[in-house]
Amino acid sequence: MTQQRRGLGKGLGALIPTGPSHGSSGGMMGRDGTALSDMEPVAGAHFAELPLSTITPNPRQPRSHFDEDALDELAESIKIVGLLQPVVVRRTTPDRYELIMGERRWRASQRAGLEAIPAIVRDTGDDDLLRDALMENLHRQQLNPLEEAAAYQQLLEDFGATHEQLATRIGRSRPHISNTLRLLNLPPAVQRRVAAGVLSAGHARALLSLDTLESQEQLAQRIVAEGLSVRAVEEIIALRDVEDPPKAPRQGRKKPVAPALRQLADRLSDRYETKVRVDLGRSKGKIVVEFATLEDLDRIIKTMAPDEPGVHD
C-alpha cells in the first residue's frame, strides 16, 4: 500500500485545512492538494503560509532571552529540513498577525533566510478546544514519521497535551509516542531522508541507538547506498560494524548489560524522551542522559526537577 507523498512535512500543518491566507482568495485546497471538503475541519484554526514580514512578536512574551547558539543551530536545521512545527498566530488586521507561540522558531526562520513560514492562524482563544480538535485530526490522518513526531512535540509544548492524553486520543501506546519523538533528535540530513521516505521509521529508530550524530549520518548514507533492510541495520549496529574513525583497541570483551539495567534504561528513555544509558562498573555505576540542543537539555532538567532553574533561567 502506497502513501501519498507530501515532501517535507509541517507537523500540525498537515492536520489543518488551508483557510484564506495572505495574498490568497481561494483556500479551496488543503496543503497536500486534498479538497477541503474531504478534510476534517479544525474548529478555531486554519493553516496558512505567511510572509515573515507580516508577523510581529507578542509584546507580552515573558521570555526575553534566546540563546544565540541554539538559534543558529535551529536555523541550520530549518535550512535542511524546513520548519516542521508551525508558529501559532492571531490576526490583528486584514494583513497583519501577532505571534502567540513560536517566537524562537520565527527568529530562527529569519536567520535561515525564509520569506514565508507555516502558521496556525487561531480564530479562538480556547486552548482546550483547539488542542482536542488537533488530536482528533491526528487520529484520522496518515502522516510521515517526521510529521508525526513534530505534531506530537507541538501538541506537548504549545498546546499543553500530555503523553497520556495523546496515547489515549490517537490509540497509540505511550512508548510509541516517546520513540517517535526521538526522531527529532536525529541529524537534520537524516531527518530529511526520513521525511522524504528514503529511510523508514524502523531505520530511523535503529539509528538512534548509535552514540554519535556522525555515526548516525554515516550509517544512514550506507542504508541508502546499499538498500539495507531494518534487520540488516540492527545487525550491523549490534556488531558495531559502523564505518567510524578507527578507535584504540579495547582490552577484553564488552561486559553484557544485565536485562534489569536495560529495562531501567528503556523506562528512563521513555520518561525523559531521549536516549538514556545505565552502566554498572566494578565499584560504581553511572546514568548517561543524551540531549540534542540546549532547549532539549532545559526540557530534561525541568522534567527531572521542576523547581530547579533551567539552562536559560
C-alpha atoms as a PDB file:
ATOM      1  CA  MET A   1       0.000   0.000   0.000  1.00  0.00           C
ATOM      2  CA  THR A   2       1.439   3.353  -1.021  1.00  0.00           C
ATOM      3  CA  GLN A   3       1.099   6.551   0.913  1.00  0.00           C
ATOM      4  CA  GLN A   4       0.735   9.920  -0.676  1.00  0.00           C
ATOM      5  CA  ARG A   5       3.971  11.885  -0.536  1.00  0.00           C
ATOM      6  CA  ARG A   6       3.878  15.432   0.734  1.00  0.00           C
ATOM      7  CA  GLY A   7       7.627  16.034   0.675  1.00  0.00           C
ATOM      8  CA  LEU A   8       8.858  17.526   3.916  1.00  0.00           C
ATOM      9  CA  GLY A   9       6.119  17.748   6.499  1.00  0.00           C
ATOM     10  CA  LYS A  10       4.991  20.622   8.692  1.00  0.00           C
ATOM     11  CA  GLY A  11       3.770  18.764  11.752  1.00  0.00           C
ATOM     12  CA  LEU A  12       0.396  20.117  12.800  1.00  0.00           C
ATOM     13  CA  GLY A  13       0.122  21.955   9.486  1.00  0.00           C
ATOM     14  CA  ALA A  14      -0.563  18.581   7.878  1.00  0.00           C
ATOM     15  CA  LEU A  15      -3.672  18.229  10.070  1.00  0.00           C
ATOM     16  CA  ILE A  16      -5.296  21.591   9.398  1.00  0.00           C
ATOM     17  CA  PRO A  17      -7.176  22.535   6.216  1.00  0.00           C
ATOM     18  CA  THR A  18      -5.926  25.644   4.487  1.00  0.00           C
ATOM     19  CA  GLY A  19      -8.008  28.739   5.079  1.00  0.00           C
ATOM     20  CA  PRO A  20      -7.962  32.133   3.387  1.00  0.00           C
ATOM     21  CA  SER A  21      -4.360  33.297   3.749  1.00  0.00           C
ATOM     22  CA  HIS A  22      -2.293  36.376   2.982  1.00  0.00           C
ATOM     23  CA  GLY A  23      -2.363  37.015  -0.738  1.00  0.00           C
ATOM     24  CA  SER A  24      -4.871  34.235  -1.400  1.00  0.00           C
ATOM     25  CA  SER A  25      -8.507  34.489  -2.380  1.00  0.00           C
ATOM     26  CA  GLY A  26      -9.282  30.813  -2.543  1.00  0.00           C
ATOM     27  CA  GLY A  27      -8.456  28.457   0.271  1.00  0.00           C
ATOM     28  CA  MET A  28     -10.219  25.681  -1.626  1.00  0.00           C
ATOM     29  CA  MET A  29      -7.450  23.113  -1.382  1.00  0.00           C
ATOM     30  CA  GLY A  30      -5.540  21.594   1.528  1.00  0.00           C
ATOM     31  CA  ARG A  31      -1.763  21.860   1.797  1.00  0.00           C
ATOM     32  CA  ASP A  32      -1.364  18.359   0.295  1.00  0.00           C
ATOM     33  CA  GLY A  33      -3.736  19.085  -2.602  1.00  0.00           C
ATOM     34  CA  THR A  34      -6.776  17.465  -0.965  1.00  0.00           C
ATOM     35  CA  ALA A  35     -10.083  19.280  -1.387  1.00  0.00           C
ATOM     36  CA  LEU A  36     -11.180  20.948   1.836  1.00  0.00           C
ATOM     37  CA  SER A  37     -14.487  19.121   1.595  1.00  0.00           C
ATOM     38  CA  ASP A  38     -12.542  15.860   2.024  1.00  0.00           C
ATOM     39  CA  MET A  39     -10.655  17.075   5.127  1.00  0.00           C
ATOM     40  CA  GLU A  40     -11.934  17.264   8.669  1.00  0.00           C
ATOM     41  CA  PRO A  41     -12.153  20.946   9.676  1.00  0.00           C
ATOM     42  CA  VAL A  42     -10.396  22.078  12.835  1.00  0.00           C
ATOM     43  CA  ALA A  43     -12.587  24.284  14.968  1.00  0.00           C
ATOM     44  CA  GLY A  44     -10.959  27.588  15.786  1.00  0.00           C
ATOM     45  CA  ALA A  45      -7.960  27.492  13.424  1.00  0.00           C
ATOM     46  CA  HIS A  46      -6.748  27.231   9.860  1.00  0.00           C
ATOM     47  CA  PHE A  47      -3.344  26.659   8.268  1.00  0.00           C
ATOM     48  CA  ALA A  48      -1.567  29.261   6.139  1.00  0.00           C
ATOM     49  CA  GLU A  49       1.846  30.073   4.699  1.00  0.00           C
ATOM     50  CA  LEU A  50       2.502  33.620   5.917  1.00  0.00           C
ATOM     51  CA  PRO A  51       5.244  36.071   4.877  1.00  0.00           C
ATOM     52  CA  LEU A  52       7.597  36.629   7.788  1.00  0.00           C
ATOM     53  CA  SER A  53       7.222  40.366   7.331  1.00  0.00           C
ATOM     54  CA  THR A  54       3.509  40.183   8.233  1.00  0.00           C
ATOM     55  CA  ILE A  55       4.176  38.640  11.669  1.00  0.00           C
ATOM     56  CA  THR A  56       5.191  40.628  14.744  1.00  0.00           C
ATOM     57  CA  PRO A  57       6.257  39.222  18.142  1.00  0.00           C
ATOM     58  CA  ASN A  58       3.882  39.222  21.064  1.00  0.00           C
ATOM     59  CA  PRO A  59       4.841  42.208  23.281  1.00  0.00           C
ATOM     60  CA  ARG A  60       3.591  40.243  26.298  1.00  0.00           C
ATOM     61  CA  GLN A  61       6.010  37.372  25.627  1.00  0.00           C
ATOM     62  CA  PRO A  62       7.580  36.617  29.040  1.00  0.00           C
ATOM     63  CA  ARG A  63      10.715  35.125  27.508  1.00  0.00           C
ATOM     64  CA  SER A  64      13.236  37.825  26.671  1.00  0.00           C
ATOM     65  CA  HIS A  65      16.465  35.827  26.245  1.00  0.00           C
ATOM     66  CA  PHE A  66      17.089  33.479  23.321  1.00  0.00           C
ATOM     67  CA  ASP A  67      20.321  31.505  23.210  1.00  0.00           C
ATOM     68  CA  GLU A  68      22.234  32.654  20.128  1.00  0.00           C
ATOM     69  CA  ASP A  69      23.995  29.335  19.501  1.00  0.00           C
ATOM     70  CA  ALA A  70      20.725  27.410  19.817  1.00  0.00           C
ATOM     71  CA  LEU A  71      19.051  29.808  17.364  1.00  0.00           C
ATOM     72  CA  ASP A  72      21.889  29.302  14.877  1.00  0.00           C
ATOM     73  CA  GLU A  73      21.581  25.535  15.274  1.00  0.00           C
ATOM     74  CA  LEU A  74      17.829  25.638  14.677  1.00  0.00           C
ATOM     75  CA  ALA A  75      18.311  27.926  11.668  1.00  0.00           C
ATOM     76  CA  GLU A  76      20.721  25.424  10.104  1.00  0.00           C
ATOM     77  CA  SER A  77      18.206  22.623  10.699  1.00  0.00           C
ATOM     78  CA  ILE A  78      15.439  24.711   9.094  1.00  0.00           C
ATOM     79  CA  LYS A  79      17.635  25.258   6.017  1.00  0.00           C
ATOM     80  CA  ILE A  80      17.943  21.490   5.587  1.00  0.00           C
ATOM     81  CA  VAL A  81      14.623  20.095   6.784  1.00  0.00           C
ATOM     82  CA  GLY A  82      12.292  23.087   6.797  1.00  0.00           C
ATOM     83  CA  LEU A  83      10.167  24.303   9.692  1.00  0.00           C
ATOM     84  CA  LEU A  84       8.332  21.212  10.955  1.00  0.00           C
ATOM     85  CA  GLN A  85       6.359  22.954  13.715  1.00  0.00           C
ATOM     86  CA  PRO A  86       4.218  25.892  12.546  1.00  0.00           C
ATOM     87  CA  VAL A  87       4.148  29.050  14.611  1.00  0.00           C
ATOM     88  CA  VAL A  88       0.778  29.989  16.109  1.00  0.00           C
ATOM     89  CA  VAL A  89      -0.583  33.459  15.387  1.00  0.00           C
ATOM     90  CA  ARG A  90      -3.721  35.557  15.603  1.00  0.00           C
ATOM     91  CA  ARG A  91      -4.870  38.080  13.030  1.00  0.00           C
ATOM     92  CA  THR A  92      -4.644  41.721  14.163  1.00  0.00           C
ATOM     93  CA  THR A  93      -5.539  43.439  10.868  1.00  0.00           C
ATOM     94  CA  PRO A  94      -6.531  42.015   7.472  1.00  0.00           C
ATOM     95  CA  ASP A  95      -2.873  41.527   6.544  1.00  0.00           C
ATOM     96  CA  ARG A  96      -1.012  41.520   9.882  1.00  0.00           C
ATOM     97  CA  TYR A  97      -0.545  38.822  12.522  1.00  0.00           C
ATOM     98  CA  GLU A  98       0.756  38.606  16.084  1.00  0.00           C
ATOM     99  CA  LEU A  99       2.706  35.648  17.410  1.00  0.00           C
ATOM    100  CA  ILE A 100       1.053  33.581  20.119  1.00  0.00           C
ATOM    101  CA  MET A 101       3.518  30.670  20.188  1.00  0.00           C
ATOM    102  CA  GLY A 102       6.815  30.031  18.440  1.00  0.00           C
ATOM    103  CA  GLU A 103       8.967  33.183  18.673  1.00  0.00           C
ATOM    104  CA  ARG A 104      12.125  31.046  18.743  1.00  0.00           C
ATOM    105  CA  ARG A 105      11.005  29.327  15.501  1.00  0.00           C
ATOM    106  CA  TRP A 106      10.135  32.705  13.973  1.00  0.00           C
ATOM    107  CA  ARG A 107      13.555  34.177  14.845  1.00  0.00           C
ATOM    108  CA  ALA A 108      15.415  31.102  13.559  1.00  0.00           C
ATOM    109  CA  SER A 109      13.405  31.185  10.306  1.00  0.00           C
ATOM    110  CA  GLN A 110      14.570  34.773   9.777  1.00  0.00           C
ATOM    111  CA  ARG A 111      18.183  33.654  10.253  1.00  0.00           C
ATOM    112  CA  ALA A 112      17.605  30.797   7.824  1.00  0.00           C
ATOM    113  CA  GLY A 113      16.565  33.324   5.169  1.00  0.00           C
ATOM    114  CA  LEU A 114      12.967  32.156   4.786  1.00  0.00           C
ATOM    115  CA  GLU A 115      10.474  34.581   3.281  1.00  0.00           C
ATOM    116  CA  ALA A 116       7.362  32.720   4.466  1.00  0.00           C
ATOM    117  CA  ILE A 117       6.668  30.200   7.220  1.00  0.00           C
ATOM    118  CA  PRO A 118       3.865  27.766   8.056  1.00  0.00           C
ATOM    119  CA  ALA A 119       1.442  29.097  10.645  1.00  0.00           C
ATOM    120  CA  ILE A 120      -1.671  28.064  12.521  1.00  0.00           C
ATOM    121  CA  VAL A 121      -3.967  31.078  12.437  1.00  0.00           C
ATOM    122  CA  ARG A 122      -6.132  30.945  15.536  1.00  0.00           C
ATOM    123  CA  ASP A 123      -9.731  32.089  15.455  1.00  0.00           C
ATOM    124  CA  THR A 124     -10.418  31.163  19.085  1.00  0.00           C
ATOM    125  CA  GLY A 125      -8.753  31.653  22.457  1.00  0.00           C
ATOM    126  CA  ASP A 126      -9.995  28.301  23.752  1.00  0.00           C
ATOM    127  CA  ASP A 127      -6.793  26.234  24.102  1.00  0.00           C
ATOM    128  CA  ASP A 128      -8.666  23.074  25.091  1.00  0.00           C
ATOM    129  CA  LEU A 129     -10.964  23.251  22.056  1.00  0.00           C
ATOM    130  CA  LEU A 130      -8.082  23.705  19.635  1.00  0.00           C
ATOM    131  CA  ARG A 131      -5.904  21.038  21.264  1.00  0.00           C
ATOM    132  CA  ASP A 132      -8.739  18.486  21.205  1.00  0.00           C
ATOM    133  CA  ALA A 133      -9.571  19.241  17.571  1.00  0.00           C
ATOM    134  CA  LEU A 134      -5.918  18.805  16.569  1.00  0.00           C
ATOM    135  CA  MET A 135      -5.640  15.493  18.408  1.00  0.00           C
ATOM    136  CA  GLU A 136      -8.819  14.294  16.719  1.00  0.00           C
ATOM    137  CA  ASN A 137      -7.351  15.046  13.287  1.00  0.00           C
ATOM    138  CA  LEU A 138      -4.066  13.428  14.294  1.00  0.00           C
ATOM    139  CA  HIS A 139      -6.088  10.270  14.969  1.00  0.00           C
ATOM    140  CA  ARG A 140      -7.518  10.370  11.432  1.00  0.00           C
ATOM    141  CA  GLN A 141      -4.627  11.438   9.233  1.00  0.00           C
ATOM    142  CA  GLN A 142      -1.717   9.384   7.914  1.00  0.00           C
ATOM    143  CA  LEU A 143       1.483  11.351   8.410  1.00  0.00           C
ATOM    144  CA  ASN A 144       5.054  10.540   7.560  1.00  0.00           C
ATOM    145  CA  PRO A 145       7.122   9.697  10.679  1.00  0.00           C
ATOM    146  CA  LEU A 146       8.699  13.156  10.939  1.00  0.00           C
ATOM    147  CA  GLU A 147       5.359  14.935  10.542  1.00  0.00           C
ATOM    148  CA  GLU A 148       4.005  12.686  13.264  1.00  0.00           C
ATOM    149  CA  ALA A 149       6.927  13.430  15.588  1.00  0.00           C
ATOM    150  CA  ALA A 150       6.669  17.185  15.008  1.00  0.00           C
ATOM    151  CA  ALA A 151       2.907  17.086  15.624  1.00  0.00           C
ATOM    152  CA  TYR A 152       3.410  15.230  18.924  1.00  0.00           C
ATOM    153  CA  GLN A 153       6.092  17.702  20.018  1.00  0.00           C
ATOM    154  CA  GLN A 154       3.989  20.753  19.210  1.00  0.00           C
ATOM    155  CA  LEU A 155       0.906  19.356  20.953  1.00  0.00           C
ATOM    156  CA  LEU A 156       3.031  18.692  24.036  1.00  0.00           C
ATOM    157  CA  GLU A 157       4.853  22.052  24.060  1.00  0.00           C
ATOM    158  CA  ASP A 158       2.451  24.604  22.592  1.00  0.00           C
ATOM    159  CA  PHE A 159      -0.919  23.142  23.471  1.00  0.00           C
ATOM    160  CA  GLY A 160      -0.254  21.572  26.871  1.00  0.00           C
ATOM    161  CA  ALA A 161      -1.086  17.990  25.960  1.00  0.00           C
ATOM    162  CA  THR A 162       0.358  15.096  27.967  1.00  0.00           C
ATOM    163  CA  HIS A 163       1.772  11.791  26.767  1.00  0.00           C
ATOM    164  CA  GLU A 164      -1.183  10.019  28.344  1.00  0.00           C
ATOM    165  CA  GLN A 165      -3.711  12.239  26.557  1.00  0.00           C
ATOM    166  CA  LEU A 166      -2.005  11.698  23.225  1.00  0.00           C
ATOM    167  CA  ALA A 167      -1.811   7.938  23.705  1.00  0.00           C
ATOM    168  CA  THR A 168      -5.491   7.711  24.646  1.00  0.00           C
ATOM    169  CA  ARG A 169      -6.859  10.005  21.946  1.00  0.00           C
ATOM    170  CA  ILE A 170      -4.930   8.616  18.983  1.00  0.00           C
ATOM    171  CA  GLY A 171      -4.943   4.961  20.037  1.00  0.00           C
ATOM    172  CA  ARG A 172      -1.167   4.579  20.293  1.00  0.00           C
ATOM    173  CA  SER A 173       0.973   3.368  23.160  1.00  0.00           C
ATOM    174  CA  ARG A 174       2.998   5.770  25.290  1.00  0.00           C
ATOM    175  CA  PRO A 175       6.302   4.089  24.232  1.00  0.00           C
ATOM    176  CA  HIS A 176       5.304   4.605  20.579  1.00  0.00           C
ATOM    177  CA  ILE A 177       4.872   8.320  21.222  1.00  0.00           C
ATOM    178  CA  SER A 178       8.216   8.547  23.058  1.00  0.00           C
ATOM    179  CA  ASN A 179      10.035   6.581  20.346  1.00  0.00           C
ATOM    180  CA  THR A 180       8.508   8.734  17.596  1.00  0.00           C
ATOM    181  CA  LEU A 181       9.518  11.936  19.403  1.00  0.00           C
ATOM    182  CA  ARG A 182      13.125  10.733  19.444  1.00  0.00           C
ATOM    183  CA  LEU A 183      13.214  11.002  15.649  1.00  0.00           C
ATOM    184  CA  LEU A 184      13.571  14.768  16.179  1.00  0.00           C
ATOM    185  CA  ASN A 185      16.976  14.088  17.786  1.00  0.00           C
ATOM    186  CA  LEU A 186      18.367  12.712  14.508  1.00  0.00           C
ATOM    187  CA  PRO A 187      20.745  14.920  12.478  1.00  0.00           C
ATOM    188  CA  PRO A 188      18.875  17.189  10.040  1.00  0.00           C
ATOM    189  CA  ALA A 189      20.258  15.361   6.992  1.00  0.00           C
ATOM    190  CA  VAL A 190      18.908  12.064   8.339  1.00  0.00           C
ATOM    191  CA  GLN A 191      15.578  13.697   9.233  1.00  0.00           C
ATOM    192  CA  ARG A 192      15.281  14.864   5.631  1.00  0.00           C
ATOM    193  CA  ARG A 193      15.670  11.294   4.365  1.00  0.00           C
ATOM    194  CA  VAL A 194      13.020  10.103   6.813  1.00  0.00           C
ATOM    195  CA  ALA A 195      10.601  12.866   5.788  1.00  0.00           C
ATOM    196  CA  ALA A 196      11.172  12.117   2.103  1.00  0.00           C
ATOM    197  CA  GLY A 197      10.516   8.397   2.645  1.00  0.00           C
ATOM    198  CA  VAL A 198      14.068   7.333   1.748  1.00  0.00           C
ATOM    199  CA  LEU A 199      14.529   5.945   5.275  1.00  0.00           C
ATOM    200  CA  SER A 200      11.707   4.219   7.134  1.00  0.00           C
ATOM    201  CA  ALA A 201      10.743   4.867  10.745  1.00  0.00           C
ATOM    202  CA  GLY A 202      12.288   1.488  11.555  1.00  0.00           C
ATOM    203  CA  HIS A 203      15.606   2.560  10.047  1.00  0.00           C
ATOM    204  CA  ALA A 204      15.441   5.821  11.993  1.00  0.00           C
ATOM    205  CA  ARG A 205      14.736   4.141  15.329  1.00  0.00           C
ATOM    206  CA  ALA A 206      17.676   1.799  14.755  1.00  0.00           C
ATOM    207  CA  LEU A 207      19.985   4.749  14.007  1.00  0.00           C
ATOM    208  CA  LEU A 208      19.016   6.378  17.308  1.00  0.00           C
ATOM    209  CA  SER A 209      20.823   3.618  19.177  1.00  0.00           C
ATOM    210  CA  LEU A 210      24.168   4.883  17.843  1.00  0.00           C
ATOM    211  CA  ASP A 211      26.190   7.095  20.157  1.00  0.00           C
ATOM    212  CA  THR A 212      27.129   9.986  17.858  1.00  0.00           C
ATOM    213  CA  LEU A 213      25.461  12.098  15.168  1.00  0.00           C
ATOM    214  CA  GLU A 214      28.388  11.325  12.853  1.00  0.00           C
ATOM    215  CA  SER A 215      27.785   7.583  13.184  1.00  0.00           C
ATOM    216  CA  GLN A 216      24.084   8.086  12.505  1.00  0.00           C
ATOM    217  CA  GLU A 217      24.798  10.084   9.341  1.00  0.00           C
ATOM    218  CA  GLN A 218      27.386   7.581   8.098  1.00  0.00           C
ATOM    219  CA  LEU A 219      25.138   4.579   8.569  1.00  0.00           C
ATOM    220  CA  ALA A 220      22.182   6.441   7.015  1.00  0.00           C
ATOM    221  CA  GLN A 221      24.273   7.033   3.897  1.00  0.00           C
ATOM    222  CA  ARG A 222      25.167   3.346   3.843  1.00  0.00           C
ATOM    223  CA  ILE A 223      21.499   2.333   4.187  1.00  0.00           C
ATOM    224  CA  VAL A 224      20.580   4.395   1.124  1.00  0.00           C
ATOM    225  CA  ALA A 225      23.610   3.338  -0.933  1.00  0.00           C
ATOM    226  CA  GLU A 226      23.238  -0.388  -0.203  1.00  0.00           C
ATOM    227  CA  GLY A 227      19.475  -0.625   0.219  1.00  0.00           C
ATOM    228  CA  LEU A 228      19.844  -2.184   3.677  1.00  0.00           C
ATOM    229  CA  SER A 229      16.799  -3.588   5.466  1.00  0.00           C
ATOM    230  CA  VAL A 230      15.935  -2.620   9.027  1.00  0.00           C
ATOM    231  CA  ARG A 231      17.017  -6.084  10.222  1.00  0.00           C
ATOM    232  CA  ALA A 232      20.382  -5.705   8.482  1.00  0.00           C
ATOM    233  CA  VAL A 233      20.904  -2.300  10.095  1.00  0.00           C
ATOM    234  CA  GLU A 234      20.089  -3.699  13.531  1.00  0.00           C
ATOM    235  CA  GLU A 235      22.630  -6.497  12.984  1.00  0.00           C
ATOM    236  CA  ILE A 236      25.296  -4.004  11.876  1.00  0.00           C
ATOM    237  CA  ILE A 237      24.733  -1.912  14.981  1.00  0.00           C
ATOM    238  CA  ALA A 238      24.761  -4.981  17.229  1.00  0.00           C
ATOM    239  CA  LEU A 239      28.135  -5.972  15.796  1.00  0.00           C
ATOM    240  CA  ARG A 240      29.398  -2.365  15.934  1.00  0.00           C
ATOM    241  CA  ASP A 241      30.217  -2.682  12.234  1.00  0.00           C
ATOM    242  CA  VAL A 242      29.820   1.062  11.601  1.00  0.00           C
ATOM    243  CA  GLU A 243      32.300   2.981   9.487  1.00  0.00           C
ATOM    244  CA  ASP A 244      33.503   5.304  12.252  1.00  0.00           C
ATOM    245  CA  PRO A 245      37.060   6.638  12.516  1.00  0.00           C
ATOM    246  CA  PRO A 246      39.399   3.970  13.945  1.00  0.00           C
ATOM    247  CA  LYS A 247      39.479   3.811  17.724  1.00  0.00           C
ATOM    248  CA  ALA A 248      42.090   2.441  20.074  1.00  0.00           C
ATOM    249  CA  PRO A 249      41.567  -1.317  20.613  1.00  0.00           C
ATOM    250  CA  ARG A 250      39.779  -2.242  23.799  1.00  0.00           C
ATOM    251  CA  GLN A 251      41.111  -4.847  26.150  1.00  0.00           C
ATOM    252  CA  GLY A 252      38.787  -7.790  26.606  1.00  0.00           C
ATOM    253  CA  ARG A 253      35.161  -8.091  25.588  1.00  0.00           C
ATOM    254  CA  LYS A 254      32.471  -5.580  26.386  1.00  0.00           C
ATOM    255  CA  LYS A 255      30.609  -6.570  29.508  1.00  0.00           C
ATOM    256  CA  PRO A 256      26.999  -7.508  28.682  1.00  0.00           C
ATOM    257  CA  VAL A 257      24.263  -5.301  30.090  1.00  0.00           C
ATOM    258  CA  ALA A 258      22.006  -7.023  32.612  1.00  0.00           C
ATOM    259  CA  PRO A 259      18.363  -7.266  31.421  1.00  0.00           C
ATOM    260  CA  ALA A 260      17.165  -5.356  34.500  1.00  0.00           C
ATOM    261  CA  LEU A 261      19.518  -2.442  33.717  1.00  0.00           C
ATOM    262  CA  ARG A 262      18.434  -2.446  30.073  1.00  0.00           C
ATOM    263  CA  GLN A 263      14.781  -2.338  31.124  1.00  0.00           C
ATOM    264  CA  LEU A 264      15.564   0.527  33.509  1.00  0.00           C
ATOM    265  CA  ALA A 265      17.326   2.419  30.718  1.00  0.00           C
ATOM    266  CA  ASP A 266      14.296   1.890  28.452  1.00  0.00           C
ATOM    267  CA  ARG A 267      11.935   3.221  31.127  1.00  0.00           C
ATOM    268  CA  LEU A 268      14.119   6.270  31.721  1.00  0.00           C
ATOM    269  CA  SER A 269      14.358   6.844  27.955  1.00  0.00           C
ATOM    270  CA  ASP A 270      10.563   6.858  27.760  1.00  0.00           C
ATOM    271  CA  ARG A 271      10.306   9.142  30.800  1.00  0.00           C
ATOM    272  CA  TYR A 272      12.739  11.781  29.515  1.00  0.00           C
ATOM    273  CA  GLU A 273      12.066  11.254  25.776  1.00  0.00           C
ATOM    274  CA  THR A 274      15.729  10.781  24.917  1.00  0.00           C
ATOM    275  CA  LYS A 275      18.336   8.043  24.964  1.00  0.00           C
ATOM    276  CA  VAL A 276      19.403   7.048  28.478  1.00  0.00           C
ATOM    277  CA  ARG A 277      22.172   4.545  29.246  1.00  0.00           C
ATOM    278  CA  VAL A 278      22.706   2.832  32.604  1.00  0.00           C
ATOM    279  CA  ASP A 279      26.226   1.461  33.162  1.00  0.00           C
ATOM    280  CA  LEU A 280      27.400  -0.592  36.141  1.00  0.00           C
ATOM    281  CA  GLY A 281      31.118  -0.962  36.809  1.00  0.00           C
ATOM    282  CA  ARG A 282      33.099  -2.880  39.415  1.00  0.00           C
ATOM    283  CA  SER A 283      32.674  -0.325  42.179  1.00  0.00           C
ATOM    284  CA  LYS A 284      30.252   2.277  40.858  1.00  0.00           C
ATOM    285  CA  GLY A 285      27.742   2.992  38.117  1.00  0.00           C
ATOM    286  CA  LYS A 286      26.550   5.918  36.065  1.00  0.00           C
ATOM    287  CA  ILE A 287      23.469   7.089  34.186  1.00  0.00           C
ATOM    288  CA  VAL A 288      24.100   8.906  30.896  1.00  0.00           C
ATOM    289  CA  VAL A 289      21.276  11.099  29.542  1.00  0.00           C
ATOM    290  CA  GLU A 290      21.699  12.411  25.991  1.00  0.00           C
ATOM    291  CA  PHE A 291      20.343  15.723  24.702  1.00  0.00           C
ATOM    292  CA  ALA A 292      20.297  17.276  21.243  1.00  0.00           C
ATOM    293  CA  THR A 293      20.169  21.022  21.968  1.00  0.00           C
ATOM    294  CA  LEU A 294      20.272  23.379  24.951  1.00  0.00           C
ATOM    295  CA  GLU A 295      16.474  23.607  24.723  1.00  0.00           C
ATOM    296  CA  ASP A 296      16.311  19.812  24.854  1.00  0.00           C
ATOM    297  CA  LEU A 297      18.592  19.860  27.936  1.00  0.00           C
ATOM    298  CA  ASP A 298      16.381  22.507  29.533  1.00  0.00           C
ATOM    299  CA  ARG A 299      13.316  20.316  28.933  1.00  0.00           C
ATOM    300  CA  ILE A 300      15.007  17.282  30.517  1.00  0.00           C
ATOM    301  CA  ILE A 301      16.155  19.263  33.572  1.00  0.00           C
ATOM    302  CA  LYS A 302      12.662  20.634  34.138  1.00  0.00           C
ATOM    303  CA  THR A 303      11.247  17.115  33.840  1.00  0.00           C
ATOM    304  CA  MET A 304      13.722  15.801  36.399  1.00  0.00           C
ATOM    305  CA  ALA A 305      13.432  18.730  38.823  1.00  0.00           C
ATOM    306  CA  PRO A 306      10.546  21.118  38.031  1.00  0.00           C
ATOM    307  CA  ASP A 307      11.533  23.501  40.835  1.00  0.00           C
ATOM    308  CA  GLU A 308      15.153  23.854  39.733  1.00  0.00           C
ATOM    309  CA  PRO A 309      16.240  26.643  37.327  1.00  0.00           C
ATOM    310  CA  GLY A 310      16.759  25.598  33.741  1.00  0.00           C
ATOM    311  CA  VAL A 311      19.651  26.365  31.409  1.00  0.00           C
ATOM    312  CA  HIS A 312      18.280  29.783  30.404  1.00  0.00           C
ATOM    313  CA  ASP A 313      16.794  30.752  33.811  1.00  0.00           C
END
